[in-house]
């Protein structure tokens, strides 16, 4: 998959969901879920608190799901390795507060993907 095709998925999701009357900003959340906290994401280069909180949460949840799922081109990494990746990119790719909340769910609240 080319990077350009990959980068279109937030806009395609937005275009589909924007036609549905939701009481929340679902389409905008999907549009922003690949934005990075430091502004290096896509499609709009939005950063920090300008990214919807729901999109910042979705970005972390999506990253954990992606890293812990088997792909045809690579095996799944374990949950702890995925959480280490979140920690390594806290404040750059991901909202630090959202990462901390995710880590608390796994480490203090006993959440598990198994």
PDB file of N, CA and C in Angstrom:
ATOM      1  N   UNK A   1       0.856  -1.176   0.000  1.00  0.00           N
ATOM      2  CA  UNK A   1       0.000   0.000   0.000  1.00  0.00           C
ATOM      3  C   UNK A   1       0.896   1.232   0.000  1.00  0.00           C
ATOM      4  N   UNK A   2       0.616   2.124  -0.903  1.00  0.00           N
ATOM      5  CA  UNK A   2       1.430   3.333  -0.949  1.00  0.00           C
ATOM      6  C   UNK A   2       1.035   4.272   0.190  1.00  0.00           C
ATOM      7  N   UNK A   3       1.966   5.104   0.595  1.00  0.00           N
ATOM      8  CA  UNK A   3       1.708   6.049   1.678  1.00  0.00           C
ATOM      9  C   UNK A   3       0.564   6.991   1.317  1.00  0.00           C
ATOM     10  N   UNK A   4       0.497   7.428   0.060  1.00  0.00           N
ATOM     11  CA  UNK A   4      -0.565   8.345  -0.341  1.00  0.00           C
ATOM     12  C   UNK A   4      -1.939   7.719  -0.196  1.00  0.00           C
ATOM     13  N   UNK A   5      -2.087   6.447  -0.571  1.00  0.00           N
ATOM     14  CA  UNK A   5      -3.362   5.761  -0.403  1.00  0.00           C
ATOM     15  C   UNK A   5      -3.687   5.652   1.084  1.00  0.00           C
ATOM     16  N   UNK A   6      -2.696   5.276   1.882  1.00  0.00           N
ATOM     17  CA  UNK A   6      -2.903   5.164   3.329  1.00  0.00           C
ATOM     18  C   UNK A   6      -3.358   6.494   3.920  1.00  0.00           C
ATOM     19  N   UNK A   7      -2.785   7.568   3.453  1.00  0.00           N
ATOM     20  CA  UNK A   7      -3.112   8.876   4.015  1.00  0.00           C
ATOM     21  C   UNK A   7      -4.495   9.372   3.615  1.00  0.00           C
ATOM     22  N   UNK A   8      -5.148   8.713   2.689  1.00  0.00           N
ATOM     23  CA  UNK A   8      -6.495   9.143   2.295  1.00  0.00           C
ATOM     24  C   UNK A   8      -7.585   8.551   3.182  1.00  0.00           C
ATOM     25  N   UNK A   9      -7.279   7.533   3.973  1.00  0.00           N
ATOM     26  CA  UNK A   9      -8.353   6.858   4.707  1.00  0.00           C
ATOM     27  C   UNK A   9      -9.082   7.744   5.719  1.00  0.00           C
ATOM     28  N   UNK A  10      -8.429   8.692   6.397  1.00  0.00           N
ATOM     29  CA  UNK A  10      -9.207   9.558   7.287  1.00  0.00           C
ATOM     30  C   UNK A  10     -10.236  10.405   6.523  1.00  0.00           C
ATOM     31  N   UNK A  11      -9.842  10.909   5.354  1.00  0.00           N
ATOM     32  CA  UNK A  11     -10.763  11.731   4.557  1.00  0.00           C
ATOM     33  C   UNK A  11     -11.911  10.885   4.009  1.00  0.00           C
ATOM     34  N   UNK A  12     -11.613   9.680   3.557  1.00  0.00           N
ATOM     35  CA  UNK A  12     -12.667   8.800   3.041  1.00  0.00           C
ATOM     36  C   UNK A  12     -13.652   8.466   4.161  1.00  0.00           C
ATOM     37  N   UNK A  13     -13.127   8.127   5.343  1.00  0.00           N
ATOM     38  CA  UNK A  13     -14.002   7.864   6.486  1.00  0.00           C
ATOM     39  C   UNK A  13     -14.859   9.066   6.830  1.00  0.00           C
ATOM     40  N   UNK A  14     -14.247  10.241   6.814  1.00  0.00           N
ATOM     41  CA  UNK A  14     -14.976  11.480   7.083  1.00  0.00           C
ATOM     42  C   UNK A  14     -16.095  11.675   6.062  1.00  0.00           C
ATOM     43  N   UNK A  15     -15.774  11.507   4.781  1.00  0.00           N
ATOM     44  CA  UNK A  15     -16.768  11.717   3.726  1.00  0.00           C
ATOM     45  C   UNK A  15     -17.956  10.775   3.878  1.00  0.00           C
ATOM     46  N   UNK A  16     -17.714   9.554   4.291  1.00  0.00           N
ATOM     47  CA  UNK A  16     -18.797   8.587   4.501  1.00  0.00           C
ATOM     48  C   UNK A  16     -19.613   8.968   5.739  1.00  0.00           C
ATOM     49  N   UNK A  17     -18.934   9.205   6.850  1.00  0.00           N
ATOM     50  CA  UNK A  17     -19.626   9.452   8.120  1.00  0.00           C
ATOM     51  C   UNK A  17     -20.276  10.824   8.198  1.00  0.00           C
ATOM     52  N   UNK A  18     -19.775  11.771   7.436  1.00  0.00           N
ATOM     53  CA  UNK A  18     -20.317  13.118   7.457  1.00  0.00           C
ATOM     54  C   UNK A  18     -21.754  13.158   6.922  1.00  0.00           C
ATOM     55  N   UNK A  19     -22.158  12.131   6.195  1.00  0.00           N
ATOM     56  CA  UNK A  19     -23.508  12.048   5.643  1.00  0.00           C
ATOM     57  C   UNK A  19     -24.526  11.534   6.665  1.00  0.00           C
ATOM     58  N   UNK A  20     -24.030  11.048   7.800  1.00  0.00           N
ATOM     59  CA  UNK A  20     -24.889  10.489   8.840  1.00  0.00           C
ATOM     60  C   UNK A  20     -25.085  11.535   9.933  1.00  0.00           C
ATOM     61  N   UNK A  21     -26.292  11.668  10.398  1.00  0.00           N
ATOM     62  CA  UNK A  21     -26.602  12.647  11.435  1.00  0.00           C
ATOM     63  C   UNK A  21     -26.337  12.039  12.814  1.00  0.00           C
ATOM     64  N   UNK A  22     -25.142  12.267  13.338  1.00  0.00           N
ATOM     65  CA  UNK A  22     -24.766  11.818  14.672  1.00  0.00           C
ATOM     66  C   UNK A  22     -24.900  12.980  15.654  1.00  0.00           C
ATOM     67  N   UNK A  23     -25.216  12.702  16.911  1.00  0.00           N
ATOM     68  CA  UNK A  23     -25.247  13.789  17.896  1.00  0.00           C
ATOM     69  C   UNK A  23     -23.848  14.205  18.362  1.00  0.00           C
ATOM     70  N   UNK A  24     -22.801  13.534  17.885  1.00  0.00           N
ATOM     71  CA  UNK A  24     -21.425  13.850  18.243  1.00  0.00           C
ATOM     72  C   UNK A  24     -20.624  14.075  16.971  1.00  0.00           C
ATOM     73  N   UNK A  25     -19.412  14.558  17.123  1.00  0.00           N
ATOM     74  CA  UNK A  25     -18.555  14.872  15.972  1.00  0.00           C
ATOM     75  C   UNK A  25     -17.791  13.632  15.494  1.00  0.00           C
ATOM     76  N   UNK A  26     -18.518  12.574  15.156  1.00  0.00           N
ATOM     77  CA  UNK A  26     -17.894  11.316  14.740  1.00  0.00           C
ATOM     78  C   UNK A  26     -17.055  11.491  13.471  1.00  0.00           C
ATOM     79  N   UNK A  27     -17.603  12.145  12.462  1.00  0.00           N
ATOM     80  CA  UNK A  27     -16.871  12.303  11.200  1.00  0.00           C
ATOM     81  C   UNK A  27     -15.572  13.084  11.417  1.00  0.00           C
ATOM     82  N   UNK A  28     -15.635  14.155  12.175  1.00  0.00           N
ATOM     83  CA  UNK A  28     -14.440  14.967  12.450  1.00  0.00           C
ATOM     84  C   UNK A  28     -13.423  14.178  13.281  1.00  0.00           C
ATOM     85  N   UNK A  29     -13.905  13.339  14.194  1.00  0.00           N
ATOM     86  CA  UNK A  29     -13.015  12.490  14.992  1.00  0.00           C
ATOM     87  C   UNK A  29     -12.250  11.541  14.080  1.00  0.00           C
ATOM     88  N   UNK A  30     -12.955  10.902  13.156  1.00  0.00           N
ATOM     89  CA  UNK A  30     -12.301   9.997  12.210  1.00  0.00           C
ATOM     90  C   UNK A  30     -11.305  10.762  11.340  1.00  0.00           C
ATOM     91  N   UNK A  31     -11.687  11.947  10.891  1.00  0.00           N
ATOM     92  CA  UNK A  31     -10.793  12.760  10.068  1.00  0.00           C
ATOM     93  C   UNK A  31      -9.488  13.072  10.802  1.00  0.00           C
ATOM     94  N   UNK A  32      -9.567  13.328  12.093  1.00  0.00           N
ATOM     95  CA  UNK A  32      -8.381  13.751  12.858  1.00  0.00           C
ATOM     96  C   UNK A  32      -7.618  12.618  13.534  1.00  0.00           C
ATOM     97  N   UNK A  33      -8.077  11.380  13.447  1.00  0.00           N
ATOM     98  CA  UNK A  33      -7.453  10.313  14.244  1.00  0.00           C
ATOM     99  C   UNK A  33      -6.026   9.973  13.844  1.00  0.00           C
ATOM    100  N   UNK A  34      -5.549  10.435  12.698  1.00  0.00           N
ATOM    101  CA  UNK A  34      -4.159  10.210  12.300  1.00  0.00           C
ATOM    102  C   UNK A  34      -3.304  11.468  12.455  1.00  0.00           C
ATOM    103  N   UNK A  35      -3.863  12.492  13.048  1.00  0.00           N
ATOM    104  CA  UNK A  35      -3.071  13.678  13.376  1.00  0.00           C
ATOM    105  C   UNK A  35      -2.158  13.306  14.547  1.00  0.00           C
ATOM    106  N   UNK A  36      -0.987  13.889  14.583  1.00  0.00           N
ATOM    107  CA  UNK A  36      -0.049  13.630  15.681  1.00  0.00           C
ATOM    108  C   UNK A  36      -0.019  14.826  16.612  1.00  0.00           C
ATOM    109  N   UNK A  37       0.225  14.563  17.869  1.00  0.00           N
ATOM    110  CA  UNK A  37       0.214  15.598  18.894  1.00  0.00           C
ATOM    111  C   UNK A  37       1.179  16.736  18.562  1.00  0.00           C
ATOM    112  N   UNK A  38       2.295  16.399  17.904  1.00  0.00           N
ATOM    113  CA  UNK A  38       3.290  17.425  17.556  1.00  0.00           C
ATOM    114  C   UNK A  38       3.023  18.103  16.217  1.00  0.00           C
ATOM    115  N   UNK A  39       1.917  17.761  15.557  1.00  0.00           N
ATOM    116  CA  UNK A  39       1.551  18.385  14.294  1.00  0.00           C
ATOM    117  C   UNK A  39       2.083  17.687  13.058  1.00  0.00           C
ATOM    118  N   UNK A  40       2.776  16.572  13.231  1.00  0.00           N
ATOM    119  CA  UNK A  40       3.389  15.887  12.089  1.00  0.00           C
ATOM    120  C   UNK A  40       2.463  14.892  11.399  1.00  0.00           C
ATOM    121  N   UNK A  41       1.233  14.789  11.853  1.00  0.00           N
ATOM    122  CA  UNK A  41       0.306  13.808  11.280  1.00  0.00           C
ATOM    123  C   UNK A  41      -0.402  14.312  10.039  1.00  0.00           C
ATOM    124  N   UNK A  42      -1.485  13.641   9.713  1.00  0.00           N
ATOM    125  CA  UNK A  42      -2.256  13.981   8.523  1.00  0.00           C
ATOM    126  C   UNK A  42      -3.732  13.751   8.801  1.00  0.00           C
ATOM    127  N   UNK A  43      -4.637  14.344   8.058  1.00  0.00           N
ATOM    128  CA  UNK A  43      -4.423  15.036   6.803  1.00  0.00           C
ATOM    129  C   UNK A  43      -4.191  16.534   6.935  1.00  0.00           C
ATOM    130  N   UNK A  44      -4.438  17.128   8.108  1.00  0.00           N
ATOM    131  CA  UNK A  44      -4.391  18.584   8.201  1.00  0.00           C
ATOM    132  C   UNK A  44      -3.238  19.177   8.972  1.00  0.00           C
ATOM    133  N   UNK A  45      -2.376  18.353   9.556  1.00  0.00           N
ATOM    134  CA  UNK A  45      -1.282  18.882  10.347  1.00  0.00           C
ATOM    135  C   UNK A  45      -1.749  19.579  11.616  1.00  0.00           C
ATOM    136  N   UNK A  46      -2.922  19.201  12.108  1.00  0.00           N
ATOM    137  CA  UNK A  46      -3.460  19.759  13.349  1.00  0.00           C
ATOM    138  C   UNK A  46      -2.605  19.232  14.495  1.00  0.00           C
ATOM    139  N   UNK A  47      -2.459  20.016  15.570  1.00  0.00           N
ATOM    140  CA  UNK A  47      -1.602  19.545  16.660  1.00  0.00           C
ATOM    141  C   UNK A  47      -2.182  19.862  18.035  1.00  0.00           C
ATOM    142  N   UNK A  48      -1.645  19.152  19.020  1.00  0.00           N
ATOM    143  CA  UNK A  48      -1.968  19.392  20.422  1.00  0.00           C
ATOM    144  C   UNK A  48      -3.453  19.431  20.708  1.00  0.00           C
ATOM    145  N   UNK A  49      -3.830  20.409  21.502  1.00  0.00           N
ATOM    146  CA  UNK A  49      -5.211  20.571  21.925  1.00  0.00           C
ATOM    147  C   UNK A  49      -6.162  20.961  20.812  1.00  0.00           C
ATOM    148  N   UNK A  50      -5.640  21.278  19.624  1.00  0.00           N
ATOM    149  CA  UNK A  50      -6.506  21.569  18.485  1.00  0.00           C
ATOM    150  C   UNK A  50      -7.085  20.291  17.882  1.00  0.00           C
ATOM    151  N   UNK A  51      -6.502  19.152  18.218  1.00  0.00           N
ATOM    152  CA  UNK A  51      -7.045  17.857  17.802  1.00  0.00           C
ATOM    153  C   UNK A  51      -8.162  17.520  18.789  1.00  0.00           C
ATOM    154  N   UNK A  52      -9.292  17.110  18.272  1.00  0.00           N
ATOM    155  CA  UNK A  52     -10.394  16.725  19.158  1.00  0.00           C
ATOM    156  C   UNK A  52      -9.923  15.673  20.156  1.00  0.00           C
ATOM    157  N   UNK A  53     -10.366  15.788  21.400  1.00  0.00           N
ATOM    158  CA  UNK A  53     -10.007  14.789  22.414  1.00  0.00           C
ATOM    159  C   UNK A  53     -10.398  13.391  21.952  1.00  0.00           C
ATOM    160  N   UNK A  54     -11.573  13.265  21.355  1.00  0.00           N
ATOM    161  CA  UNK A  54     -12.019  11.954  20.880  1.00  0.00           C
ATOM    162  C   UNK A  54     -11.056  11.384  19.841  1.00  0.00           C
ATOM    163  N   UNK A  55     -10.517  12.235  18.987  1.00  0.00           N
ATOM    164  CA  UNK A  55      -9.551  11.785  17.981  1.00  0.00           C
ATOM    165  C   UNK A  55      -8.223  11.398  18.635  1.00  0.00           C
ATOM    166  N   UNK A  56      -7.827  12.121  19.677  1.00  0.00           N
ATOM    167  CA  UNK A  56      -6.588  11.768  20.391  1.00  0.00           C
ATOM    168  C   UNK A  56      -6.743  10.419  21.084  1.00  0.00           C
ATOM    169  N   UNK A  57      -7.924  10.161  21.624  1.00  0.00           N
ATOM    170  CA  UNK A  57      -8.201   8.860  22.250  1.00  0.00           C
ATOM    171  C   UNK A  57      -8.220   7.767  21.184  1.00  0.00           C
ATOM    172  N   UNK A  58      -8.900   8.041  20.073  1.00  0.00           N
ATOM    173  CA  UNK A  58      -8.967   7.061  18.991  1.00  0.00           C
ATOM    174  C   UNK A  58      -7.574   6.742  18.459  1.00  0.00           C
ATOM    175  N   UNK A  59      -6.700   7.722  18.372  1.00  0.00           N
ATOM    176  CA  UNK A  59      -5.342   7.497  17.873  1.00  0.00           C
ATOM    177  C   UNK A  59      -4.590   6.501  18.750  1.00  0.00           C
ATOM    178  N   UNK A  60      -4.715   6.640  20.057  1.00  0.00           N
ATOM    179  CA  UNK A  60      -4.034   5.722  20.978  1.00  0.00           C
ATOM    180  C   UNK A  60      -4.666   4.338  20.905  1.00  0.00           C
ATOM    181  N   UNK A  61      -5.992   4.267  20.922  1.00  0.00           N
ATOM    182  CA  UNK A  61      -6.676   2.967  20.839  1.00  0.00           C
ATOM    183  C   UNK A  61      -6.350   2.271  19.522  1.00  0.00           C
ATOM    184  N   UNK A  62      -6.349   3.025  18.433  1.00  0.00           N
ATOM    185  CA  UNK A  62      -6.033   2.471  17.116  1.00  0.00           C
ATOM    186  C   UNK A  62      -4.599   1.954  17.082  1.00  0.00           C
ATOM    187  N   UNK A  63      -3.680   2.688  17.672  1.00  0.00           N
ATOM    188  CA  UNK A  63      -2.276   2.270  17.695  1.00  0.00           C
ATOM    189  C   UNK A  63      -2.106   0.969  18.464  1.00  0.00           C
ATOM    190  N   UNK A  64      -2.745   0.861  19.618  1.00  0.00           N
ATOM    191  CA  UNK A  64      -2.650  -0.371  20.412  1.00  0.00           C
ATOM    192  C   UNK A  64      -3.252  -1.538  19.628  1.00  0.00           C
ATOM    193  N   UNK A  65      -4.424  -1.330  19.043  1.00  0.00           N
ATOM    194  CA  UNK A  65      -5.065  -2.399  18.265  1.00  0.00           C
ATOM    195  C   UNK A  65      -4.187  -2.806  17.086  1.00  0.00           C
ATOM    196  N   UNK A  66      -3.612  -1.841  16.403  1.00  0.00           N
ATOM    197  CA  UNK A  66      -2.755  -2.125  15.254  1.00  0.00           C
ATOM    198  C   UNK A  66      -1.517  -2.919  15.667  1.00  0.00           C
ATOM    199  N   UNK A  67      -0.834  -2.447  16.700  1.00  0.00           N
ATOM    200  CA  UNK A  67       0.425  -3.088  17.094  1.00  0.00           C
ATOM    201  C   UNK A  67       0.225  -4.482  17.679  1.00  0.00           C
ATOM    202  N   UNK A  68      -0.912  -4.721  18.286  1.00  0.00           N
ATOM    203  CA  UNK A  68      -1.144  -6.020  18.924  1.00  0.00           C
ATOM    204  C   UNK A  68      -1.899  -6.990  18.024  1.00  0.00           C
ATOM    205  N   UNK A  69      -2.150  -6.596  16.783  1.00  0.00           N
ATOM    206  CA  UNK A  69      -2.835  -7.465  15.824  1.00  0.00           C
ATOM    207  C   UNK A  69      -1.843  -8.001  14.798  1.00  0.00           C
ATOM    208  N   UNK A  70      -2.029  -9.260  14.434  1.00  0.00           N
ATOM    209  CA  UNK A  70      -1.199  -9.868  13.406  1.00  0.00           C
ATOM    210  C   UNK A  70      -1.529  -9.239  12.056  1.00  0.00           C
ATOM    211  N   UNK A  71      -0.512  -8.971  11.276  1.00  0.00           N
ATOM    212  CA  UNK A  71      -0.662  -8.460   9.912  1.00  0.00           C
ATOM    213  C   UNK A  71       0.024  -9.443   8.967  1.00  0.00           C
ATOM    214  N   UNK A  72      -0.373  -9.441   7.729  1.00  0.00           N
ATOM    215  CA  UNK A  72       0.249 -10.369   6.769  1.00  0.00           C
ATOM    216  C   UNK A  72       1.737 -10.105   6.602  1.00  0.00           C
ATOM    217  N   UNK A  73       2.164  -8.889   6.860  1.00  0.00           N
ATOM    218  CA  UNK A  73       3.563  -8.513   6.657  1.00  0.00           C
ATOM    219  C   UNK A  73       4.383  -8.492   7.939  1.00  0.00           C
ATOM    220  N   UNK A  74       3.740  -8.774   9.090  1.00  0.00           N
ATOM    221  CA  UNK A  74       4.492  -8.845  10.350  1.00  0.00           C
ATOM    222  C   UNK A  74       3.618  -9.471  11.434  1.00  0.00           C
ATOM    223  N   UNK A  75       4.270 -10.133  12.395  1.00  0.00           N
ATOM    224  CA  UNK A  75       3.497 -10.701  13.505  1.00  0.00           C
ATOM    225  C   UNK A  75       3.070  -9.605  14.485  1.00  0.00           C
ATOM    226  N   UNK A  76       2.082  -9.915  15.270  1.00  0.00           N
ATOM    227  CA  UNK A  76       1.645  -8.985  16.313  1.00  0.00           C
ATOM    228  C   UNK A  76       2.755  -8.831  17.343  1.00  0.00           C
ATOM    229  N   UNK A  77       2.884  -7.627  17.863  1.00  0.00           N
ATOM    230  CA  UNK A  77       3.806  -7.454  18.982  1.00  0.00           C
ATOM    231  C   UNK A  77       2.979  -7.615  20.254  1.00  0.00           C
ATOM    232  N   UNK A  78       3.586  -7.971  21.323  1.00  0.00           N
ATOM    233  CA  UNK A  78       2.873  -8.136  22.576  1.00  0.00           C
ATOM    234  C   UNK A  78       2.345  -6.810  23.107  1.00  0.00           C
ATOM    235  N   UNK A  79       1.427  -6.909  24.030  1.00  0.00           N
ATOM    236  CA  UNK A  79       0.821  -5.720  24.614  1.00  0.00           C
ATOM    237  C   UNK A  79       1.865  -4.833  25.275  1.00  0.00           C
ATOM    238  N   UNK A  80       2.776  -5.417  26.038  1.00  0.00           N
ATOM    239  CA  UNK A  80       3.781  -4.594  26.727  1.00  0.00           C
ATOM    240  C   UNK A  80       4.665  -3.842  25.743  1.00  0.00           C
ATOM    241  N   UNK A  81       5.014  -4.482  24.639  1.00  0.00           N
ATOM    242  CA  UNK A  81       5.825  -3.803  23.616  1.00  0.00           C
ATOM    243  C   UNK A  81       5.016  -2.658  22.998  1.00  0.00           C
ATOM    244  N   UNK A  82       3.739  -2.874  22.758  1.00  0.00           N
ATOM    245  CA  UNK A  82       2.886  -1.818  22.210  1.00  0.00           C
ATOM    246  C   UNK A  82       2.805  -0.640  23.184  1.00  0.00           C
ATOM    247  N   UNK A  83       2.667  -0.937  24.475  1.00  0.00           N
ATOM    248  CA  UNK A  83       2.601   0.131  25.475  1.00  0.00           C
ATOM    249  C   UNK A  83       3.931   0.878  25.579  1.00  0.00           C
ATOM    250  N   UNK A  84       5.041   0.167  25.384  1.00  0.00           N
ATOM    251  CA  UNK A  84       6.349   0.827  25.344  1.00  0.00           C
ATOM    252  C   UNK A  84       6.421   1.795  24.160  1.00  0.00           C
ATOM    253  N   UNK A  85       5.893   1.375  23.017  1.00  0.00           N
ATOM    254  CA  UNK A  85       5.872   2.243  21.834  1.00  0.00           C
ATOM    255  C   UNK A  85       5.057   3.505  22.105  1.00  0.00           C
ATOM    256  N   UNK A  86       3.910   3.348  22.764  1.00  0.00           N
ATOM    257  CA  UNK A  86       3.114   4.525  23.126  1.00  0.00           C
ATOM    258  C   UNK A  86       3.929   5.463  24.000  1.00  0.00           C
ATOM    259  N   UNK A  87       4.596   4.902  24.989  1.00  0.00           N
ATOM    260  CA  UNK A  87       5.403   5.699  25.903  1.00  0.00           C
ATOM    261  C   UNK A  87       6.534   6.409  25.157  1.00  0.00           C
ATOM    262  N   UNK A  88       7.168   5.692  24.232  1.00  0.00           N
ATOM    263  CA  UNK A  88       8.264   6.282  23.450  1.00  0.00           C
ATOM    264  C   UNK A  88       7.806   7.466  22.597  1.00  0.00           C
ATOM    265  N   UNK A  89       6.552   7.476  22.202  1.00  0.00           N
ATOM    266  CA  UNK A  89       6.038   8.520  21.312  1.00  0.00           C
ATOM    267  C   UNK A  89       5.038   9.439  22.002  1.00  0.00           C
ATOM    268  N   UNK A  90       5.036   9.383  23.316  1.00  0.00           N
ATOM    269  CA  UNK A  90       4.173  10.259  24.119  1.00  0.00           C
ATOM    270  C   UNK A  90       4.647  11.703  23.947  1.00  0.00           C
ATOM    271  N   UNK A  91       3.724  12.569  23.551  1.00  0.00           N
ATOM    272  CA  UNK A  91       4.066  13.974  23.347  1.00  0.00           C
ATOM    273  C   UNK A  91       4.478  14.305  21.926  1.00  0.00           C
ATOM    274  N   UNK A  92       4.805  13.284  21.124  1.00  0.00           N
ATOM    275  CA  UNK A  92       5.096  13.512  19.712  1.00  0.00           C
ATOM    276  C   UNK A  92       3.915  13.010  18.886  1.00  0.00           C
ATOM    277  N   UNK A  93       3.770  11.707  18.798  1.00  0.00           N
ATOM    278  CA  UNK A  93       2.618  11.159  18.061  1.00  0.00           C
ATOM    279  C   UNK A  93       1.337  11.251  18.881  1.00  0.00           C
ATOM    280  N   UNK A  94       1.437  10.996  20.175  1.00  0.00           N
ATOM    281  CA  UNK A  94       0.245  10.814  21.006  1.00  0.00           C
ATOM    282  C   UNK A  94       0.175  11.822  22.147  1.00  0.00           C
ATOM    283  N   UNK A  95      -1.045  12.173  22.493  1.00  0.00           N
ATOM    284  CA  UNK A  95      -1.311  13.064  23.627  1.00  0.00           C
ATOM    285  C   UNK A  95      -0.797  12.399  24.909  1.00  0.00           C
ATOM    286  N   UNK A  96       0.073  13.066  25.644  1.00  0.00           N
ATOM    287  CA  UNK A  96       0.623  12.467  26.867  1.00  0.00           C
ATOM    288  C   UNK A  96      -0.440  12.050  27.879  1.00  0.00           C
ATOM    289  N   UNK A  97      -1.474  12.836  28.053  1.00  0.00           N
ATOM    290  CA  UNK A  97      -2.521  12.495  29.021  1.00  0.00           C
ATOM    291  C   UNK A  97      -3.310  11.270  28.583  1.00  0.00           C
ATOM    292  N   UNK A  98      -3.540  11.137  27.293  1.00  0.00           N
ATOM    293  CA  UNK A  98      -4.267   9.974  26.784  1.00  0.00           C
ATOM    294  C   UNK A  98      -3.398   8.726  26.930  1.00  0.00           C
ATOM    295  N   UNK A  99      -2.120   8.843  26.631  1.00  0.00           N
ATOM    296  CA  UNK A  99      -1.212   7.704  26.818  1.00  0.00           C
ATOM    297  C   UNK A  99      -1.192   7.300  28.287  1.00  0.00           C
ATOM    298  N   UNK A 100      -1.076   8.265  29.190  1.00  0.00           N
ATOM    299  CA  UNK A 100      -1.062   7.942  30.623  1.00  0.00           C
ATOM    300  C   UNK A 100      -2.349   7.244  31.046  1.00  0.00           C
ATOM    301  N   UNK A 101      -3.486   7.683  30.529  1.00  0.00           N
ATOM    302  CA  UNK A 101      -4.763   7.040  30.855  1.00  0.00           C
ATOM    303  C   UNK A 101      -4.782   5.601  30.336  1.00  0.00           C
ATOM    304  N   UNK A 102      -4.273   5.400  29.131  1.00  0.00           N
ATOM    305  CA  UNK A 102      -4.202   4.054  28.560  1.00  0.00           C
ATOM    306  C   UNK A 102      -3.299   3.153  29.402  1.00  0.00           C
ATOM    307  N   UNK A 103      -2.152   3.667  29.780  1.00  0.00           N
ATOM    308  CA  UNK A 103      -1.225   2.882  30.600  1.00  0.00           C
ATOM    309  C   UNK A 103      -1.856   2.515  31.945  1.00  0.00           C
ATOM    310  N   UNK A 104      -2.600   3.452  32.542  1.00  0.00           N
ATOM    311  CA  UNK A 104      -3.293   3.155  33.809  1.00  0.00           C
ATOM    312  C   UNK A 104      -4.311   2.035  33.623  1.00  0.00           C
ATOM    313  N   UNK A 105      -5.021   2.052  32.512  1.00  0.00           N
ATOM    314  CA  UNK A 105      -6.000   0.984  32.251  1.00  0.00           C
ATOM    315  C   UNK A 105      -5.330  -0.384  32.255  1.00  0.00           C
ATOM    316  N   UNK A 106      -4.196  -0.481  31.600  1.00  0.00           N
ATOM    317  CA  UNK A 106      -3.505  -1.763  31.521  1.00  0.00           C
ATOM    318  C   UNK A 106      -2.776  -2.111  32.817  1.00  0.00           C
ATOM    319  N   UNK A 107      -2.031  -1.170  33.381  1.00  0.00           N
ATOM    320  CA  UNK A 107      -1.179  -1.474  34.522  1.00  0.00           C
ATOM    321  C   UNK A 107      -1.869  -1.409  35.876  1.00  0.00           C
ATOM    322  N   UNK A 108      -2.816  -0.521  36.033  1.00  0.00           N
ATOM    323  CA  UNK A 108      -3.465  -0.367  37.344  1.00  0.00           C
ATOM    324  C   UNK A 108      -4.856  -0.974  37.394  1.00  0.00           C
ATOM    325  N   UNK A 109      -5.554  -0.949  36.281  1.00  0.00           N
ATOM    326  CA  UNK A 109      -6.941  -1.434  36.259  1.00  0.00           C
ATOM    327  C   UNK A 109      -7.058  -2.853  35.739  1.00  0.00           C
ATOM    328  N   UNK A 110      -5.938  -3.413  35.285  1.00  0.00           N
ATOM    329  CA  UNK A 110      -5.928  -4.809  34.849  1.00  0.00           C
ATOM    330  C   UNK A 110      -6.549  -5.081  33.485  1.00  0.00           C
ATOM    331  N   UNK A 111      -6.702  -4.058  32.652  1.00  0.00           N
ATOM    332  CA  UNK A 111      -7.258  -4.260  31.326  1.00  0.00           C
ATOM    333  C   UNK A 111      -6.340  -5.157  30.522  1.00  0.00           C
ATOM    334  N   UNK A 112      -6.911  -6.023  29.706  1.00  0.00           N
ATOM    335  CA  UNK A 112      -6.137  -6.951  28.908  1.00  0.00           C
ATOM    336  C   UNK A 112      -6.800  -7.149  27.547  1.00  0.00           C
ATOM    337  N   UNK A 113      -6.013  -7.411  26.547  1.00  0.00           N
ATOM    338  CA  UNK A 113      -6.533  -7.685  25.211  1.00  0.00           C
ATOM    339  C   UNK A 113      -6.734  -9.172  24.977  1.00  0.00           C
ATOM    340  N   UNK A 114      -6.310  -9.987  25.891  1.00  0.00           N
ATOM    341  CA  UNK A 114      -6.436 -11.432  25.724  1.00  0.00           C
ATOM    342  C   UNK A 114      -7.807 -11.897  26.100  1.00  0.00           C
TER     343      UNK A 114
END
